[in-house]
Amino acid sequence: MPALSAATTARPVVAATMDGPVRLTAWVEGRVQGVGFRWWVRANALELGLAGYAENLTDGRVKVVAEGTELRCRELLDRLDAEAWPRRPGRVSRVSHRWAQACNDLAGFAER
């Protein structure tokens, strides 16, 4: 199994992929609270078949935890960080993230 990456904003091409389900934890900065951003994350995560949650943090960021296939989690990460994803509420200035093996303790996708 490849080493799990530390928090980063860049997503270099990775030659090896993780086996089995993965857990993506992302911290989204910008104007992302009070604008329907968590709802948008939930809708996209459910569309991709991911389990997890999106929650407001006291420092103004939104934390997103998603589990599923690496391909689907990367797609969600791309949507979070894309300059102009269609109809995404708010304004994202930065996304940091971390990869880990899935804990398999999540069902559905919640807004917290």
Protein backbone atom coordinates (compact mmCIF):
# COMPACT_ATOMS: atom_id res chain seq x y z
CA MET A 1 0.00 0.00 0.00
CA PRO A 2 1.38 3.48 -0.81
CA ALA A 3 2.08 5.94 1.93
CA LEU A 4 -0.85 8.19 2.79
CA SER A 5 -0.34 11.82 1.86
CA ALA A 6 -0.18 14.66 4.34
CA ALA A 7 -2.42 17.70 4.12
CA THR A 8 -1.75 19.57 0.93
CA THR A 9 -3.38 21.89 -1.56
CA ALA A 10 -1.69 20.38 -4.62
CA ARG A 11 -2.89 17.10 -6.11
CA PRO A 12 0.06 15.56 -7.94
CA VAL A 13 -0.47 12.56 -10.16
CA VAL A 14 -0.09 9.47 -8.02
CA ALA A 15 1.28 6.36 -9.71
CA ALA A 16 -0.08 3.91 -7.12
CA THR A 17 -3.56 3.99 -5.71
CA MET A 18 -4.88 2.90 -2.35
CA ASP A 19 -6.54 -0.50 -2.21
CA GLY A 20 -10.16 -0.57 -1.10
CA PRO A 21 -12.21 2.36 0.12
CA VAL A 22 -10.50 5.58 1.18
CA ARG A 23 -11.31 8.47 3.50
CA LEU A 24 -10.89 12.01 2.24
CA THR A 25 -10.80 14.80 4.79
CA ALA A 26 -10.85 18.28 3.25
CA TRP A 27 -10.85 21.73 4.81
CA VAL A 28 -12.44 24.35 2.57
CA GLU A 29 -11.63 28.05 3.10
CA GLY A 30 -13.37 31.11 1.69
CA ARG A 31 -16.93 32.35 1.90
CA VAL A 32 -18.37 28.90 2.51
CA GLN A 33 -20.63 29.33 5.56
CA GLY A 34 -24.19 30.62 5.44
CA VAL A 35 -24.41 30.26 1.64
CA GLY A 36 -25.69 26.68 1.17
CA PHE A 37 -22.22 25.23 0.65
CA ARG A 38 -22.71 22.19 2.94
CA TRP A 39 -25.97 21.37 1.15
CA TRP A 40 -24.13 21.56 -2.19
CA VAL A 41 -21.36 19.27 -0.87
CA ARG A 42 -23.95 16.78 0.37
CA ALA A 43 -25.78 16.74 -2.99
CA ASN A 44 -22.54 16.15 -4.89
CA ALA A 45 -21.31 13.48 -2.46
CA LEU A 46 -24.59 11.58 -2.71
CA GLU A 47 -24.48 11.84 -6.51
CA LEU A 48 -21.01 10.24 -6.35
CA GLY A 49 -22.15 7.50 -3.94
CA LEU A 50 -20.02 8.71 -1.02
CA ALA A 51 -20.71 8.51 2.71
CA GLY A 52 -19.66 11.18 5.19
CA TYR A 53 -20.46 14.68 6.32
CA ALA A 54 -19.79 18.39 5.85
CA GLU A 55 -19.61 20.59 8.94
CA ASN A 56 -19.00 24.25 9.72
CA LEU A 57 -15.91 24.94 11.81
CA THR A 58 -15.67 27.84 14.23
CA ASP A 59 -12.85 29.44 12.21
CA GLY A 60 -15.10 29.87 9.14
CA ARG A 61 -13.94 26.83 7.19
CA VAL A 62 -16.04 23.82 6.21
CA LYS A 63 -14.68 20.36 6.98
CA VAL A 64 -15.67 17.61 4.55
CA VAL A 65 -15.17 13.93 5.39
CA ALA A 66 -16.04 11.47 2.62
CA GLU A 67 -15.53 7.74 2.20
CA GLY A 68 -15.80 5.66 -0.94
CA THR A 69 -13.64 4.71 -3.88
CA GLU A 70 -10.54 6.78 -4.46
CA LEU A 71 -11.83 7.77 -7.90
CA ARG A 72 -15.12 9.12 -6.51
CA CYS A 73 -13.40 10.91 -3.61
CA ARG A 74 -10.97 12.56 -6.04
CA GLU A 75 -13.94 13.71 -8.12
CA LEU A 76 -15.50 15.33 -5.05
CA LEU A 77 -12.16 16.97 -4.22
CA ASP A 78 -11.96 18.33 -7.76
CA ARG A 79 -15.47 19.75 -7.45
CA LEU A 80 -14.61 21.38 -4.12
CA ASP A 81 -11.52 23.05 -5.56
CA ALA A 82 -12.67 23.88 -9.10
CA GLU A 83 -12.58 27.58 -9.98
CA ALA A 84 -16.10 27.76 -11.31
CA TRP A 85 -18.01 24.55 -10.65
CA PRO A 86 -21.57 25.10 -11.91
CA ARG A 87 -23.96 26.48 -9.30
CA ARG A 88 -21.54 26.02 -6.40
CA PRO A 89 -22.57 28.49 -3.69
CA GLY A 90 -20.11 30.79 -1.98
CA ARG A 91 -16.48 31.35 -2.93
CA VAL A 92 -13.67 28.87 -2.31
CA SER A 93 -10.21 30.36 -1.81
CA ARG A 94 -8.30 27.24 -0.71
CA VAL A 95 -8.79 23.52 -0.13
CA SER A 96 -6.43 21.46 2.03
CA HIS A 97 -6.88 17.72 2.25
CA ARG A 98 -5.62 14.46 3.70
CA TRP A 99 -6.05 10.84 2.57
CA ALA A 100 -6.45 7.82 4.84
CA GLN A 101 -7.89 4.34 4.75
CA ALA A 102 -11.65 4.28 5.21
CA CYS A 103 -12.92 3.67 8.73
CA ASN A 104 -16.26 2.37 7.39
CA ASP A 105 -18.09 4.10 10.24
CA LEU A 106 -20.19 6.45 8.07
CA ALA A 107 -23.59 5.94 6.47
CA GLY A 108 -25.30 8.42 4.18
CA PHE A 109 -24.02 11.98 3.94
CA ALA A 110 -24.93 14.55 6.59
CA GLU A 111 -24.75 18.30 7.04
CA ARG A 112 -23.53 19.07 10.52
